[in-house]
């Protein structure tokens, strides 16, 4: 979709706690993946408005699905820099309100169903 996936999924590997909190605090909407290099500890969760709203999720795809569900349930606007990504999730993957698609999403749908 031409959007940077790093704006949706923020990965922190071997980063100190202060930098992690700064990064999460600056995130409007996204998924975080924390991994400690010195151990097998890992945390995956969801951030809304700089606050960890979910954590200790099983996987990044689960976190993205939870994020999408929260956005949909709370009727939040999609971030402008991830608009097409969330449109594809909503209208093509989840088949919710798929009547009108943007040209980018329609092109992807046509390629998927050829």
C-alpha atoms as a PDB file:
ATOM      1  CA  UNK A   1       0.000   0.000   0.000  1.00  0.00           C
ATOM      2  CA  UNK A   2       3.072   2.228  -0.049  1.00  0.00           C
ATOM      3  CA  UNK A   3       2.960   2.916   3.683  1.00  0.00           C
ATOM      4  CA  UNK A   4       5.813   2.360   6.101  1.00  0.00           C
ATOM      5  CA  UNK A   5       5.087  -0.700   8.308  1.00  0.00           C
ATOM      6  CA  UNK A   6       7.442   0.739  10.940  1.00  0.00           C
ATOM      7  CA  UNK A   7       4.750   3.334  11.664  1.00  0.00           C
ATOM      8  CA  UNK A   8       2.363   0.543  12.690  1.00  0.00           C
ATOM      9  CA  UNK A   9       4.713  -1.908  14.400  1.00  0.00           C
ATOM     10  CA  UNK A  10       7.407  -0.447  16.645  1.00  0.00           C
ATOM     11  CA  UNK A  11      10.114  -2.978  17.477  1.00  0.00           C
ATOM     12  CA  UNK A  12      12.448  -2.368  20.403  1.00  0.00           C
ATOM     13  CA  UNK A  13      15.292  -4.892  20.637  1.00  0.00           C
ATOM     14  CA  UNK A  14      17.844  -4.477  23.400  1.00  0.00           C
ATOM     15  CA  UNK A  15      16.792  -0.880  24.088  1.00  0.00           C
ATOM     16  CA  UNK A  16      16.830   0.596  27.588  1.00  0.00           C
ATOM     17  CA  UNK A  17      13.557   1.312  29.399  1.00  0.00           C
ATOM     18  CA  UNK A  18      13.825   5.110  29.067  1.00  0.00           C
ATOM     19  CA  UNK A  19      14.042   4.934  25.271  1.00  0.00           C
ATOM     20  CA  UNK A  20      11.183   2.440  25.148  1.00  0.00           C
ATOM     21  CA  UNK A  21       8.921   4.682  27.224  1.00  0.00           C
ATOM     22  CA  UNK A  22       9.878   7.706  25.115  1.00  0.00           C
ATOM     23  CA  UNK A  23       9.062   5.833  21.897  1.00  0.00           C
ATOM     24  CA  UNK A  24       5.775   4.461  23.199  1.00  0.00           C
ATOM     25  CA  UNK A  25       4.810   7.873  24.576  1.00  0.00           C
ATOM     26  CA  UNK A  26       5.315   9.406  21.119  1.00  0.00           C
ATOM     27  CA  UNK A  27       3.139   6.772  19.418  1.00  0.00           C
ATOM     28  CA  UNK A  28      -0.413   7.782  18.563  1.00  0.00           C
ATOM     29  CA  UNK A  29      -1.675   4.394  17.369  1.00  0.00           C
ATOM     30  CA  UNK A  30       0.431   1.279  16.970  1.00  0.00           C
ATOM     31  CA  UNK A  31       1.779  -2.050  18.100  1.00  0.00           C
ATOM     32  CA  UNK A  32       4.937  -2.460  20.159  1.00  0.00           C
ATOM     33  CA  UNK A  33       7.245  -5.461  20.255  1.00  0.00           C
ATOM     34  CA  UNK A  34       9.794  -5.441  23.069  1.00  0.00           C
ATOM     35  CA  UNK A  35      12.567  -8.020  23.070  1.00  0.00           C
ATOM     36  CA  UNK A  36      15.391  -8.276  25.559  1.00  0.00           C
ATOM     37  CA  UNK A  37      18.606  -9.509  23.934  1.00  0.00           C
ATOM     38  CA  UNK A  38      20.015 -10.873  27.186  1.00  0.00           C
ATOM     39  CA  UNK A  39      17.038 -13.174  27.806  1.00  0.00           C
ATOM     40  CA  UNK A  40      14.058 -14.705  26.067  1.00  0.00           C
ATOM     41  CA  UNK A  41      11.741 -12.071  27.546  1.00  0.00           C
ATOM     42  CA  UNK A  42       9.342 -10.579  25.042  1.00  0.00           C
ATOM     43  CA  UNK A  43       6.301  -8.309  25.264  1.00  0.00           C
ATOM     44  CA  UNK A  44       3.890  -7.507  22.464  1.00  0.00           C
ATOM     45  CA  UNK A  45       1.057  -5.041  22.885  1.00  0.00           C
ATOM     46  CA  UNK A  46      -1.051  -2.140  21.664  1.00  0.00           C
ATOM     47  CA  UNK A  47      -0.542   1.605  22.149  1.00  0.00           C
ATOM     48  CA  UNK A  48      -3.251   4.259  21.873  1.00  0.00           C
ATOM     49  CA  UNK A  49      -2.363   7.926  22.428  1.00  0.00           C
ATOM     50  CA  UNK A  50       0.988   7.005  23.986  1.00  0.00           C
ATOM     51  CA  UNK A  51      -0.518   4.603  26.545  1.00  0.00           C
ATOM     52  CA  UNK A  52      -0.069   0.835  26.627  1.00  0.00           C
ATOM     53  CA  UNK A  53      -3.657  -0.400  26.530  1.00  0.00           C
ATOM     54  CA  UNK A  54      -2.855  -4.082  25.935  1.00  0.00           C
ATOM     55  CA  UNK A  55       0.295  -6.069  26.631  1.00  0.00           C
ATOM     56  CA  UNK A  56       1.547  -9.645  26.876  1.00  0.00           C
ATOM     57  CA  UNK A  57      -0.183 -10.637  23.632  1.00  0.00           C
ATOM     58  CA  UNK A  58       0.836 -13.847  21.853  1.00  0.00           C
ATOM     59  CA  UNK A  59       1.996 -12.394  18.526  1.00  0.00           C
ATOM     60  CA  UNK A  60       2.258  -9.284  16.388  1.00  0.00           C
ATOM     61  CA  UNK A  61      -0.648 -10.382  14.124  1.00  0.00           C
ATOM     62  CA  UNK A  62      -2.811 -10.788  17.234  1.00  0.00           C
ATOM     63  CA  UNK A  63      -1.796  -7.319  18.390  1.00  0.00           C
ATOM     64  CA  UNK A  64      -2.663  -5.801  14.995  1.00  0.00           C
ATOM     65  CA  UNK A  65      -6.067  -7.525  15.083  1.00  0.00           C
ATOM     66  CA  UNK A  66      -6.671  -6.219  18.618  1.00  0.00           C
ATOM     67  CA  UNK A  67      -5.617  -2.726  17.554  1.00  0.00           C
ATOM     68  CA  UNK A  68      -7.998  -2.851  14.613  1.00  0.00           C
ATOM     69  CA  UNK A  69     -10.800  -4.027  16.915  1.00  0.00           C
ATOM     70  CA  UNK A  70     -10.143  -1.192  19.367  1.00  0.00           C
ATOM     71  CA  UNK A  71     -10.114   1.398  16.586  1.00  0.00           C
ATOM     72  CA  UNK A  72     -13.346  -0.001  15.159  1.00  0.00           C
ATOM     73  CA  UNK A  73     -15.123  -0.358  18.524  1.00  0.00           C
ATOM     74  CA  UNK A  74     -14.092   3.091  19.752  1.00  0.00           C
ATOM     75  CA  UNK A  75     -14.848   4.666  16.359  1.00  0.00           C
ATOM     76  CA  UNK A  76     -11.389   6.244  16.164  1.00  0.00           C
ATOM     77  CA  UNK A  77     -10.068   7.810  12.981  1.00  0.00           C
ATOM     78  CA  UNK A  78      -7.311   5.931  11.203  1.00  0.00           C
ATOM     79  CA  UNK A  79      -3.940   7.691  11.304  1.00  0.00           C
ATOM     80  CA  UNK A  80      -3.336   9.475   7.998  1.00  0.00           C
ATOM     81  CA  UNK A  81      -0.001   7.733   7.405  1.00  0.00           C
ATOM     82  CA  UNK A  82      -1.639   4.273   7.748  1.00  0.00           C
ATOM     83  CA  UNK A  83      -4.982   5.029   6.129  1.00  0.00           C
ATOM     84  CA  UNK A  84      -4.707   2.487   3.320  1.00  0.00           C
ATOM     85  CA  UNK A  85      -3.364  -0.266   5.565  1.00  0.00           C
ATOM     86  CA  UNK A  86      -6.367   0.002   7.869  1.00  0.00           C
ATOM     87  CA  UNK A  87      -8.760   0.380   4.922  1.00  0.00           C
ATOM     88  CA  UNK A  88      -7.495  -2.932   3.510  1.00  0.00           C
ATOM     89  CA  UNK A  89      -7.827  -4.591   6.925  1.00  0.00           C
ATOM     90  CA  UNK A  90     -11.370  -3.295   7.329  1.00  0.00           C
ATOM     91  CA  UNK A  91     -12.812  -3.621   3.858  1.00  0.00           C
ATOM     92  CA  UNK A  92     -10.920  -6.510   2.266  1.00  0.00           C
ATOM     93  CA  UNK A  93      -9.640  -8.722   5.083  1.00  0.00           C
ATOM     94  CA  UNK A  94     -12.501  -8.270   7.579  1.00  0.00           C
ATOM     95  CA  UNK A  95     -15.128  -7.578   4.876  1.00  0.00           C
ATOM     96  CA  UNK A  96     -16.685  -4.730   6.871  1.00  0.00           C
ATOM     97  CA  UNK A  97     -18.281  -1.933   4.838  1.00  0.00           C
ATOM     98  CA  UNK A  98     -16.504  -3.012   1.668  1.00  0.00           C
ATOM     99  CA  UNK A  99     -18.801  -1.179  -0.753  1.00  0.00           C
ATOM    100  CA  UNK A 100     -16.566   1.792  -1.593  1.00  0.00           C
ATOM    101  CA  UNK A 101     -12.805   1.330  -1.848  1.00  0.00           C
ATOM    102  CA  UNK A 102     -10.042   3.795  -2.597  1.00  0.00           C
ATOM    103  CA  UNK A 103      -8.210   3.234  -5.880  1.00  0.00           C
ATOM    104  CA  UNK A 104      -5.201   1.713  -4.060  1.00  0.00           C
ATOM    105  CA  UNK A 105      -7.340  -0.731  -2.089  1.00  0.00           C
ATOM    106  CA  UNK A 106      -9.420  -1.626  -5.147  1.00  0.00           C
ATOM    107  CA  UNK A 107      -6.267  -2.338  -7.138  1.00  0.00           C
ATOM    108  CA  UNK A 108      -4.992  -4.657  -4.381  1.00  0.00           C
ATOM    109  CA  UNK A 109      -8.360  -6.419  -4.166  1.00  0.00           C
ATOM    110  CA  UNK A 110      -8.386  -6.990  -7.914  1.00  0.00           C
ATOM    111  CA  UNK A 111      -4.876  -8.473  -7.765  1.00  0.00           C
ATOM    112  CA  UNK A 112      -5.804 -10.716  -4.852  1.00  0.00           C
ATOM    113  CA  UNK A 113      -8.944 -12.118  -6.457  1.00  0.00           C
ATOM    114  CA  UNK A 114      -7.650 -12.644 -10.014  1.00  0.00           C
END
